[in-house]
């Protein structure tokens, strides 16, 4: 079990469980943007904050950052999750991580990258 690679995502915790909750530490996660962090490697028995998560032996999310939905997205209240100008997710992703390549297109089939680097999240905006 495990072996997943999670990168270039925007991970949002709505407060019901956690951002990443797993019972298996056999995965890699990095280059993400995290909103309302809460992480667990013991199936949610213990939730860790972002600093604690990054300090674990697996060194998860060393290059990930914390943000909020209003800084990231054009209009999150109306489900417009395109990146806002100046978003910390714009042009900050990577083309590959842990031997896995980032998708060549975004959710709307827009080629990546449009700017200096791929955008983190579902939409390639800049």
N, C-alpha and C. Protein backbone atom coordinates (compact mmCIF):
# COMPACT_ATOMS: atom_id res chain seq x y z
N UNK A 1 0.83 -1.19 0.00
CA UNK A 1 0.00 0.00 0.00
C UNK A 1 0.88 1.25 0.00
N UNK A 2 0.29 2.34 -0.40
CA UNK A 2 1.01 3.60 -0.41
C UNK A 2 1.76 3.80 -1.72
N UNK A 3 2.84 4.55 -1.64
CA UNK A 3 3.64 4.82 -2.81
C UNK A 3 3.13 5.96 -3.66
N UNK A 4 2.18 6.73 -3.17
CA UNK A 4 1.61 7.83 -3.94
C UNK A 4 2.55 9.04 -3.95
N UNK A 5 2.42 9.84 -4.99
CA UNK A 5 3.16 11.08 -5.11
C UNK A 5 2.16 12.21 -5.28
N UNK A 6 2.23 13.20 -4.39
CA UNK A 6 1.29 14.33 -4.38
C UNK A 6 2.11 15.61 -4.55
N UNK A 7 1.90 16.31 -5.68
CA UNK A 7 2.64 17.56 -5.88
C UNK A 7 1.87 18.49 -6.81
N UNK A 8 2.20 19.79 -6.71
CA UNK A 8 1.58 20.86 -7.52
C UNK A 8 0.08 20.99 -7.26
N UNK A 9 -0.37 20.62 -6.09
CA UNK A 9 -1.80 20.72 -5.76
C UNK A 9 -2.09 21.88 -4.83
N UNK A 10 -3.35 22.24 -4.77
CA UNK A 10 -3.85 23.13 -3.72
C UNK A 10 -4.70 22.25 -2.83
N UNK A 11 -4.25 22.06 -1.60
CA UNK A 11 -4.89 21.16 -0.65
C UNK A 11 -5.67 21.99 0.36
N UNK A 12 -6.99 21.82 0.38
CA UNK A 12 -7.84 22.63 1.26
C UNK A 12 -8.51 21.73 2.28
N UNK A 13 -8.32 22.06 3.54
CA UNK A 13 -8.97 21.36 4.64
C UNK A 13 -10.20 22.18 5.04
N UNK A 14 -11.37 21.59 4.87
CA UNK A 14 -12.61 22.28 5.24
C UNK A 14 -12.95 22.13 6.72
N UNK A 15 -12.03 21.53 7.48
CA UNK A 15 -12.22 21.42 8.92
C UNK A 15 -12.93 20.17 9.37
N UNK A 16 -13.22 19.24 8.47
CA UNK A 16 -13.93 18.03 8.85
C UNK A 16 -12.98 16.89 9.21
N UNK A 17 -11.76 16.90 8.69
CA UNK A 17 -10.81 15.85 9.05
C UNK A 17 -9.39 16.40 8.96
N UNK A 18 -8.86 16.50 7.78
CA UNK A 18 -7.51 16.99 7.62
C UNK A 18 -7.18 17.21 6.16
N UNK A 19 -6.03 17.80 5.91
CA UNK A 19 -5.57 18.06 4.56
C UNK A 19 -5.08 16.77 3.92
N UNK A 20 -4.20 16.07 4.60
CA UNK A 20 -3.77 14.73 4.20
C UNK A 20 -3.89 13.86 5.44
N UNK A 21 -4.71 12.83 5.37
CA UNK A 21 -4.88 11.89 6.48
C UNK A 21 -4.65 10.50 5.91
N UNK A 22 -3.67 9.79 6.45
CA UNK A 22 -3.32 8.47 5.95
C UNK A 22 -2.89 7.58 7.11
N UNK A 23 -2.86 6.33 6.86
CA UNK A 23 -2.34 5.37 7.83
C UNK A 23 -1.05 4.75 7.32
N UNK A 24 -0.52 5.30 6.23
CA UNK A 24 0.65 4.74 5.58
C UNK A 24 1.61 5.88 5.28
N UNK A 25 2.85 5.76 5.69
CA UNK A 25 3.84 6.81 5.45
C UNK A 25 4.62 6.61 4.16
N UNK A 26 4.24 5.64 3.36
CA UNK A 26 4.93 5.35 2.12
C UNK A 26 4.37 6.20 0.97
N UNK A 27 4.63 7.50 1.02
CA UNK A 27 4.23 8.41 -0.04
C UNK A 27 5.12 9.64 0.02
N UNK A 28 5.10 10.44 -1.02
CA UNK A 28 5.85 11.69 -1.08
C UNK A 28 4.88 12.82 -1.40
N UNK A 29 5.05 13.93 -0.73
CA UNK A 29 4.21 15.11 -0.94
C UNK A 29 5.09 16.34 -0.89
N UNK A 30 4.95 17.23 -1.91
CA UNK A 30 5.76 18.44 -1.95
C UNK A 30 5.22 19.38 -3.01
N UNK A 31 5.65 20.62 -2.98
CA UNK A 31 5.29 21.66 -3.95
C UNK A 31 3.78 21.88 -4.01
N UNK A 32 3.12 21.84 -2.86
CA UNK A 32 1.68 22.07 -2.76
C UNK A 32 1.42 23.41 -2.09
N UNK A 33 0.20 23.89 -2.21
CA UNK A 33 -0.27 25.04 -1.45
C UNK A 33 -1.32 24.50 -0.50
N UNK A 34 -1.19 24.82 0.77
CA UNK A 34 -2.05 24.26 1.80
C UNK A 34 -2.92 25.35 2.42
N UNK A 35 -4.22 25.05 2.52
CA UNK A 35 -5.17 25.97 3.16
C UNK A 35 -5.77 25.23 4.36
N UNK A 36 -5.67 25.83 5.55
CA UNK A 36 -6.20 25.24 6.78
C UNK A 36 -5.61 23.86 7.03
N UNK A 37 -4.34 23.83 7.35
CA UNK A 37 -3.64 22.56 7.48
C UNK A 37 -4.14 21.70 8.63
N UNK A 38 -3.95 20.43 8.47
CA UNK A 38 -4.24 19.40 9.46
C UNK A 38 -3.83 18.09 8.83
N UNK A 39 -2.77 17.48 9.32
CA UNK A 39 -2.19 16.29 8.69
C UNK A 39 -2.13 15.14 9.69
N UNK A 40 -2.17 13.92 9.18
CA UNK A 40 -2.07 12.76 10.05
C UNK A 40 -1.48 11.57 9.29
N UNK A 41 -0.62 10.82 9.98
CA UNK A 41 -0.10 9.57 9.43
C UNK A 41 -0.62 8.37 10.24
N UNK A 42 -1.56 8.63 11.15
CA UNK A 42 -2.14 7.54 11.93
C UNK A 42 -3.67 7.54 11.82
N UNK A 43 -4.13 7.75 10.60
CA UNK A 43 -5.55 7.70 10.25
C UNK A 43 -6.42 8.69 11.01
N UNK A 44 -5.82 9.81 11.39
CA UNK A 44 -6.57 10.88 12.03
C UNK A 44 -6.59 10.84 13.54
N UNK A 45 -5.95 9.87 14.15
CA UNK A 45 -5.92 9.83 15.62
C UNK A 45 -5.22 11.05 16.19
N UNK A 46 -4.18 11.50 15.49
CA UNK A 46 -3.45 12.70 15.89
C UNK A 46 -3.33 13.60 14.68
N UNK A 47 -3.75 14.85 14.81
CA UNK A 47 -3.58 15.82 13.73
C UNK A 47 -2.37 16.69 14.00
N UNK A 48 -1.59 16.91 12.97
CA UNK A 48 -0.39 17.73 13.05
C UNK A 48 -0.60 19.03 12.31
N UNK A 49 0.02 20.10 12.80
CA UNK A 49 -0.02 21.35 12.05
C UNK A 49 1.05 21.29 10.96
N UNK A 50 1.12 22.31 10.14
CA UNK A 50 2.03 22.31 8.98
C UNK A 50 3.50 22.19 9.40
N UNK A 51 3.89 22.89 10.45
CA UNK A 51 5.27 22.83 10.93
C UNK A 51 5.62 21.43 11.42
N UNK A 52 4.73 20.82 12.19
CA UNK A 52 4.96 19.46 12.68
C UNK A 52 5.03 18.47 11.52
N UNK A 53 4.14 18.64 10.55
CA UNK A 53 4.10 17.76 9.38
C UNK A 53 5.43 17.82 8.62
N UNK A 54 5.93 19.02 8.39
CA UNK A 54 7.18 19.18 7.65
C UNK A 54 8.37 18.62 8.41
N UNK A 55 8.27 18.53 9.75
CA UNK A 55 9.38 18.04 10.58
C UNK A 55 9.43 16.52 10.69
N UNK A 56 8.41 15.82 10.20
CA UNK A 56 8.42 14.36 10.27
C UNK A 56 9.61 13.79 9.52
N UNK A 57 10.00 12.58 9.87
CA UNK A 57 11.16 11.93 9.27
C UNK A 57 11.06 11.83 7.75
N UNK A 58 9.85 11.73 7.21
CA UNK A 58 9.67 11.63 5.76
C UNK A 58 9.88 12.95 5.04
N UNK A 59 10.02 14.05 5.79
CA UNK A 59 10.25 15.39 5.23
C UNK A 59 9.20 15.75 4.19
N UNK A 60 7.94 15.63 4.57
CA UNK A 60 6.84 15.95 3.66
C UNK A 60 6.73 17.46 3.45
N UNK A 61 6.44 17.84 2.23
CA UNK A 61 6.09 19.22 1.86
C UNK A 61 7.14 20.27 2.20
N UNK A 62 8.40 19.93 2.03
CA UNK A 62 9.49 20.86 2.32
C UNK A 62 9.38 22.16 1.51
N UNK A 63 8.84 22.08 0.30
CA UNK A 63 8.72 23.25 -0.57
C UNK A 63 7.28 23.70 -0.76
N UNK A 64 6.40 23.24 0.11
CA UNK A 64 5.00 23.65 0.06
C UNK A 64 4.81 24.92 0.89
N UNK A 65 3.71 25.62 0.65
CA UNK A 65 3.44 26.87 1.35
C UNK A 65 2.01 26.89 1.88
N UNK A 66 1.78 27.76 2.84
CA UNK A 66 0.45 27.99 3.40
C UNK A 66 -0.15 29.23 2.72
N UNK A 67 -1.45 29.19 2.46
CA UNK A 67 -2.14 30.36 1.91
C UNK A 67 -3.61 30.30 2.35
N UNK A 68 -4.42 31.15 1.74
CA UNK A 68 -5.86 31.14 2.00
C UNK A 68 -6.60 31.27 0.67
N UNK A 69 -7.86 30.87 0.65
CA UNK A 69 -8.60 30.82 -0.62
C UNK A 69 -8.76 32.19 -1.27
N UNK A 70 -8.89 33.24 -0.49
CA UNK A 70 -9.08 34.57 -1.08
C UNK A 70 -7.81 35.10 -1.74
N UNK A 71 -6.65 34.65 -1.29
CA UNK A 71 -5.39 35.03 -1.91
C UNK A 71 -5.13 34.20 -3.16
N UNK A 72 -5.61 32.96 -3.16
CA UNK A 72 -5.35 32.03 -4.26
C UNK A 72 -6.24 32.22 -5.47
N UNK A 73 -7.56 32.35 -5.23
CA UNK A 73 -8.54 32.20 -6.31
C UNK A 73 -9.26 33.49 -6.67
N UNK A 74 -9.76 33.56 -7.92
CA UNK A 74 -10.49 34.72 -8.42
C UNK A 74 -11.73 34.99 -7.57
N UNK A 75 -12.58 34.00 -7.38
CA UNK A 75 -13.82 34.19 -6.61
C UNK A 75 -14.26 32.85 -5.99
N UNK A 76 -13.60 32.44 -4.91
CA UNK A 76 -13.92 31.14 -4.32
C UNK A 76 -15.36 31.02 -3.83
N UNK A 77 -15.96 32.12 -3.43
CA UNK A 77 -17.35 32.10 -2.96
C UNK A 77 -18.36 31.70 -4.01
N UNK A 78 -18.00 31.92 -5.28
CA UNK A 78 -18.88 31.53 -6.38
C UNK A 78 -18.26 30.40 -7.21
N UNK A 79 -17.33 29.68 -6.58
CA UNK A 79 -16.67 28.50 -7.19
C UNK A 79 -15.84 28.81 -8.43
N UNK A 80 -15.29 30.02 -8.49
CA UNK A 80 -14.36 30.35 -9.56
C UNK A 80 -12.95 30.12 -9.00
N UNK A 81 -12.41 28.94 -9.27
CA UNK A 81 -11.14 28.54 -8.69
C UNK A 81 -9.96 28.75 -9.64
N UNK A 82 -10.14 29.63 -10.62
CA UNK A 82 -8.99 30.04 -11.41
C UNK A 82 -8.08 30.86 -10.50
N UNK A 83 -6.79 30.84 -10.79
CA UNK A 83 -5.85 31.56 -9.94
C UNK A 83 -5.98 33.06 -10.12
N UNK A 84 -5.93 33.75 -9.01
CA UNK A 84 -5.95 35.21 -8.97
C UNK A 84 -4.55 35.72 -9.34
N UNK A 85 -4.48 36.87 -9.97
CA UNK A 85 -3.20 37.49 -10.25
C UNK A 85 -2.42 37.67 -8.94
N UNK A 86 -1.17 37.28 -8.93
CA UNK A 86 -0.36 37.37 -7.72
C UNK A 86 -0.51 36.19 -6.78
N UNK A 87 -1.29 35.20 -7.16
CA UNK A 87 -1.49 34.01 -6.34
C UNK A 87 -0.16 33.31 -6.06
N UNK A 88 0.05 32.83 -4.83
CA UNK A 88 1.28 32.08 -4.54
C UNK A 88 1.35 30.74 -5.28
N UNK A 89 0.27 30.34 -5.94
CA UNK A 89 0.27 29.10 -6.72
C UNK A 89 0.70 29.33 -8.16
N UNK A 90 0.74 30.58 -8.60
CA UNK A 90 1.08 30.91 -9.99
C UNK A 90 2.58 30.79 -10.23
N UNK A 91 2.93 30.03 -11.27
CA UNK A 91 4.33 29.88 -11.70
C UNK A 91 5.26 29.38 -10.61
N UNK A 92 4.75 28.54 -9.70
CA UNK A 92 5.58 28.03 -8.60
C UNK A 92 5.59 26.51 -8.53
N UNK A 93 4.99 25.84 -9.53
CA UNK A 93 4.99 24.38 -9.55
C UNK A 93 6.25 23.85 -10.21
N UNK A 94 6.34 22.53 -10.27
CA UNK A 94 7.49 21.87 -10.89
C UNK A 94 6.99 20.91 -11.98
N UNK A 95 7.85 20.63 -12.95
CA UNK A 95 7.44 19.74 -14.04
C UNK A 95 7.48 18.27 -13.65
N UNK A 96 8.26 17.94 -12.60
CA UNK A 96 8.28 16.56 -12.12
C UNK A 96 8.72 16.52 -10.67
N UNK A 97 8.33 15.44 -10.00
CA UNK A 97 8.71 15.22 -8.60
C UNK A 97 8.62 13.73 -8.32
N UNK A 98 9.62 13.21 -7.64
CA UNK A 98 9.65 11.81 -7.24
C UNK A 98 9.46 10.86 -8.44
N UNK A 99 10.02 11.24 -9.58
CA UNK A 99 9.94 10.40 -10.77
C UNK A 99 8.61 10.48 -11.52
N UNK A 100 7.72 11.37 -11.10
CA UNK A 100 6.42 11.54 -11.76
C UNK A 100 6.39 12.88 -12.48
N UNK A 101 5.82 12.90 -13.67
CA UNK A 101 5.69 14.15 -14.43
C UNK A 101 4.36 14.83 -14.13
N UNK A 102 4.38 16.15 -14.12
CA UNK A 102 3.15 16.91 -13.98
C UNK A 102 2.34 16.76 -15.27
N UNK A 103 1.02 16.89 -15.20
CA UNK A 103 0.20 16.81 -16.42
C UNK A 103 0.61 17.89 -17.42
N UNK A 104 0.53 17.56 -18.69
CA UNK A 104 0.90 18.50 -19.75
C UNK A 104 -0.18 19.56 -19.97
N UNK A 105 -1.40 19.30 -19.51
CA UNK A 105 -2.50 20.26 -19.63
C UNK A 105 -3.24 20.35 -18.31
N UNK A 106 -3.99 21.45 -18.14
CA UNK A 106 -4.76 21.61 -16.91
C UNK A 106 -6.16 21.01 -17.07
N UNK A 107 -7.03 21.24 -16.10
CA UNK A 107 -8.37 20.67 -16.10
C UNK A 107 -9.22 21.16 -17.28
N UNK A 108 -8.88 22.34 -17.82
CA UNK A 108 -9.60 22.90 -18.97
C UNK A 108 -8.86 22.63 -20.28
N UNK A 109 -7.87 21.74 -20.24
CA UNK A 109 -7.08 21.35 -21.40
C UNK A 109 -6.15 22.47 -21.90
N UNK A 110 -5.80 23.40 -21.03
CA UNK A 110 -4.84 24.46 -21.36
C UNK A 110 -3.43 23.88 -21.18
N UNK A 111 -2.55 24.03 -22.16
CA UNK A 111 -1.19 23.50 -22.03
C UNK A 111 -0.44 24.14 -20.87
N UNK A 112 0.39 23.32 -20.22
CA UNK A 112 1.26 23.79 -19.14
C UNK A 112 2.70 23.78 -19.62
N UNK A 113 3.51 24.74 -19.26
CA UNK A 113 3.19 25.97 -18.53
C UNK A 113 2.78 27.09 -19.46
N UNK A 114 2.14 28.10 -18.93
CA UNK A 114 1.79 29.31 -19.67
C UNK A 114 2.78 30.43 -19.35
N UNK A 115 3.44 30.32 -18.22
CA UNK A 115 4.41 31.33 -17.80
C UNK A 115 5.77 30.71 -17.58
N UNK A 116 6.49 31.24 -16.59
CA UNK A 116 7.85 30.79 -16.30
C UNK A 116 7.91 29.37 -15.75
N UNK A 117 6.83 28.92 -15.12
CA UNK A 117 6.76 27.57 -14.56
C UNK A 117 5.29 27.15 -14.53
N UNK A 118 5.03 25.87 -14.27
CA UNK A 118 3.65 25.42 -14.18
C UNK A 118 3.01 26.03 -12.93
N UNK A 119 1.71 26.25 -13.02
CA UNK A 119 0.96 26.71 -11.86
C UNK A 119 0.57 25.52 -10.99
N UNK A 120 0.49 25.72 -9.70
CA UNK A 120 -0.01 24.68 -8.80
C UNK A 120 -1.54 24.75 -8.84
N UNK A 121 -2.18 23.61 -8.71
CA UNK A 121 -3.64 23.57 -8.73
C UNK A 121 -4.16 23.06 -10.06
N UNK A 122 -5.48 23.08 -10.21
CA UNK A 122 -6.15 22.51 -11.37
C UNK A 122 -6.04 23.37 -12.62
N UNK A 123 -5.91 24.69 -12.44
CA UNK A 123 -5.92 25.60 -13.59
C UNK A 123 -4.56 26.20 -13.85
N UNK A 124 -4.16 26.20 -15.12
CA UNK A 124 -2.95 26.88 -15.57
C UNK A 124 -3.38 28.26 -16.04
N UNK A 125 -3.03 29.28 -15.28
CA UNK A 125 -3.56 30.61 -15.55
C UNK A 125 -2.52 31.59 -16.06
N UNK A 126 -1.28 31.48 -15.62
CA UNK A 126 -0.31 32.53 -15.93
C UNK A 126 0.98 31.96 -16.49
